[in-house]
Amino acid sequence: MSIFRVILSLIFPPLAVIDRGCGSVLIVFLLTLCGWVPGVIAALVILNKNE
């Protein structure tokens, strides 16, 4: 997880997980609509997962 991705997930979380698939982007987008903090947390969790 690069520092650029962390900063991007703090600014606009769905854009940070765009390469993780459509489902991840959709989940993070919906959580961001519910509130900024849940979207950021979900984006950081998805970015932290090892593939």
N, C-alpha and C. Protein backbone atom coordinates (compact mmCIF):
# COMPACT_ATOMS: atom_id res chain seq x y z
N MET A 1 0.85 -1.16 0.00
CA MET A 1 0.00 0.00 0.00
C MET A 1 0.91 1.24 0.00
N SER A 2 0.79 2.03 -1.03
CA SER A 2 1.65 3.20 -1.17
C SER A 2 1.04 4.41 -0.46
N ILE A 3 1.88 5.38 -0.22
CA ILE A 3 1.41 6.61 0.44
C ILE A 3 0.44 7.36 -0.45
N PHE A 4 0.61 7.24 -1.78
CA PHE A 4 -0.31 7.88 -2.71
C PHE A 4 -1.71 7.30 -2.57
N ARG A 5 -1.81 5.97 -2.43
CA ARG A 5 -3.12 5.32 -2.26
C ARG A 5 -3.77 5.73 -0.95
N VAL A 6 -2.99 5.88 0.10
CA VAL A 6 -3.55 6.27 1.40
C VAL A 6 -4.11 7.68 1.32
N ILE A 7 -3.36 8.58 0.70
CA ILE A 7 -3.84 9.96 0.55
C ILE A 7 -5.08 10.00 -0.34
N LEU A 8 -5.07 9.21 -1.42
CA LEU A 8 -6.22 9.16 -2.31
C LEU A 8 -7.44 8.59 -1.60
N SER A 9 -7.23 7.61 -0.73
CA SER A 9 -8.37 7.04 0.00
C SER A 9 -8.93 8.02 1.03
N LEU A 10 -8.12 8.93 1.50
CA LEU A 10 -8.61 9.96 2.42
C LEU A 10 -9.39 11.04 1.68
N ILE A 11 -9.01 11.32 0.43
CA ILE A 11 -9.68 12.37 -0.33
C ILE A 11 -10.94 11.85 -1.00
N PHE A 12 -10.81 10.78 -1.77
CA PHE A 12 -11.95 10.19 -2.48
C PHE A 12 -11.79 8.67 -2.47
N PRO A 13 -12.36 7.98 -1.48
CA PRO A 13 -12.14 6.55 -1.29
C PRO A 13 -12.43 5.64 -2.49
N PRO A 14 -13.52 5.85 -3.26
CA PRO A 14 -13.77 4.92 -4.37
C PRO A 14 -12.67 4.94 -5.45
N LEU A 15 -12.04 6.07 -5.63
CA LEU A 15 -10.99 6.17 -6.63
C LEU A 15 -9.74 5.41 -6.21
N ALA A 16 -9.52 5.25 -4.93
CA ALA A 16 -8.35 4.53 -4.43
C ALA A 16 -8.44 3.03 -4.68
N VAL A 17 -9.66 2.48 -4.76
CA VAL A 17 -9.83 1.03 -4.94
C VAL A 17 -10.31 0.67 -6.34
N ILE A 18 -10.10 1.55 -7.30
CA ILE A 18 -10.63 1.35 -8.64
C ILE A 18 -10.04 0.10 -9.31
N ASP A 19 -8.82 -0.28 -8.97
CA ASP A 19 -8.21 -1.45 -9.61
C ASP A 19 -8.53 -2.76 -8.89
N ARG A 20 -9.30 -2.71 -7.82
CA ARG A 20 -9.64 -3.92 -7.06
C ARG A 20 -10.92 -4.59 -7.54
N GLY A 21 -11.59 -4.01 -8.52
CA GLY A 21 -12.79 -4.62 -9.07
C GLY A 21 -14.02 -3.78 -8.85
N CYS A 22 -15.05 -4.11 -9.61
CA CYS A 22 -16.29 -3.33 -9.58
C CYS A 22 -17.00 -3.45 -8.23
N GLY A 23 -16.97 -4.61 -7.63
CA GLY A 23 -17.65 -4.82 -6.36
C GLY A 23 -17.05 -3.98 -5.24
N SER A 24 -15.74 -3.91 -5.20
CA SER A 24 -15.07 -3.11 -4.18
C SER A 24 -15.38 -1.63 -4.36
N VAL A 25 -15.37 -1.17 -5.60
CA VAL A 25 -15.66 0.24 -5.86
C VAL A 25 -17.09 0.56 -5.46
N LEU A 26 -18.01 -0.34 -5.77
CA LEU A 26 -19.42 -0.11 -5.44
C LEU A 26 -19.64 -0.08 -3.93
N ILE A 27 -19.03 -1.00 -3.22
CA ILE A 27 -19.17 -1.05 -1.76
C ILE A 27 -18.60 0.22 -1.12
N VAL A 28 -17.42 0.60 -1.56
CA VAL A 28 -16.79 1.80 -0.99
C VAL A 28 -17.58 3.04 -1.35
N PHE A 29 -18.13 3.09 -2.56
CA PHE A 29 -18.92 4.24 -2.97
C PHE A 29 -20.19 4.36 -2.13
N LEU A 30 -20.86 3.25 -1.91
CA LEU A 30 -22.08 3.29 -1.09
C LEU A 30 -21.78 3.66 0.36
N LEU A 31 -20.68 3.15 0.89
CA LEU A 31 -20.31 3.51 2.26
C LEU A 31 -19.90 4.97 2.35
N THR A 32 -19.29 5.50 1.29
CA THR A 32 -18.92 6.91 1.28
C THR A 32 -20.17 7.79 1.22
N LEU A 33 -21.20 7.33 0.51
CA LEU A 33 -22.45 8.08 0.49
C LEU A 33 -23.12 8.11 1.87
N CYS A 34 -22.96 7.03 2.62
CA CYS A 34 -23.54 6.98 3.97
C CYS A 34 -22.77 7.88 4.93
N GLY A 35 -21.52 8.03 4.68
CA GLY A 35 -20.67 8.86 5.54
C GLY A 35 -19.25 8.75 5.07
N TRP A 36 -18.48 9.79 5.25
CA TRP A 36 -17.12 9.80 4.74
C TRP A 36 -16.23 8.79 5.48
N VAL A 37 -16.40 8.69 6.79
CA VAL A 37 -15.54 7.83 7.60
C VAL A 37 -15.71 6.35 7.25
N PRO A 38 -16.93 5.81 7.10
CA PRO A 38 -17.04 4.40 6.71
C PRO A 38 -16.41 4.11 5.35
N GLY A 39 -16.52 5.05 4.42
CA GLY A 39 -15.90 4.87 3.11
C GLY A 39 -14.38 4.81 3.19
N VAL A 40 -13.81 5.68 4.01
CA VAL A 40 -12.36 5.69 4.18
C VAL A 40 -11.88 4.42 4.85
N ILE A 41 -12.60 3.98 5.88
CA ILE A 41 -12.21 2.75 6.58
C ILE A 41 -12.29 1.56 5.64
N ALA A 42 -13.36 1.46 4.86
CA ALA A 42 -13.50 0.34 3.91
C ALA A 42 -12.40 0.38 2.86
N ALA A 43 -12.08 1.56 2.36
CA ALA A 43 -11.02 1.67 1.35
C ALA A 43 -9.67 1.25 1.93
N LEU A 44 -9.37 1.66 3.13
CA LEU A 44 -8.10 1.27 3.75
C LEU A 44 -8.04 -0.23 4.03
N VAL A 45 -9.16 -0.81 4.43
CA VAL A 45 -9.18 -2.26 4.67
C VAL A 45 -8.97 -3.01 3.36
N ILE A 46 -9.63 -2.58 2.29
CA ILE A 46 -9.49 -3.25 1.01
C ILE A 46 -8.08 -3.08 0.47
N LEU A 47 -7.48 -1.92 0.65
CA LEU A 47 -6.12 -1.70 0.18
C LEU A 47 -5.10 -2.48 1.00
N ASN A 48 -5.43 -2.76 2.26
CA ASN A 48 -4.50 -3.46 3.13
C ASN A 48 -4.50 -4.97 2.92
N LYS A 49 -5.54 -5.51 2.27
CA LYS A 49 -5.62 -6.95 2.03
C LYS A 49 -4.53 -7.40 1.05
N ASN A 50 -3.91 -8.50 1.36
CA ASN A 50 -2.90 -9.08 0.45
C ASN A 50 -3.59 -9.95 -0.59
N GLU A 51 -3.13 -9.82 -1.81
CA GLU A 51 -3.70 -10.65 -2.87
C GLU A 51 -2.66 -11.61 -3.38
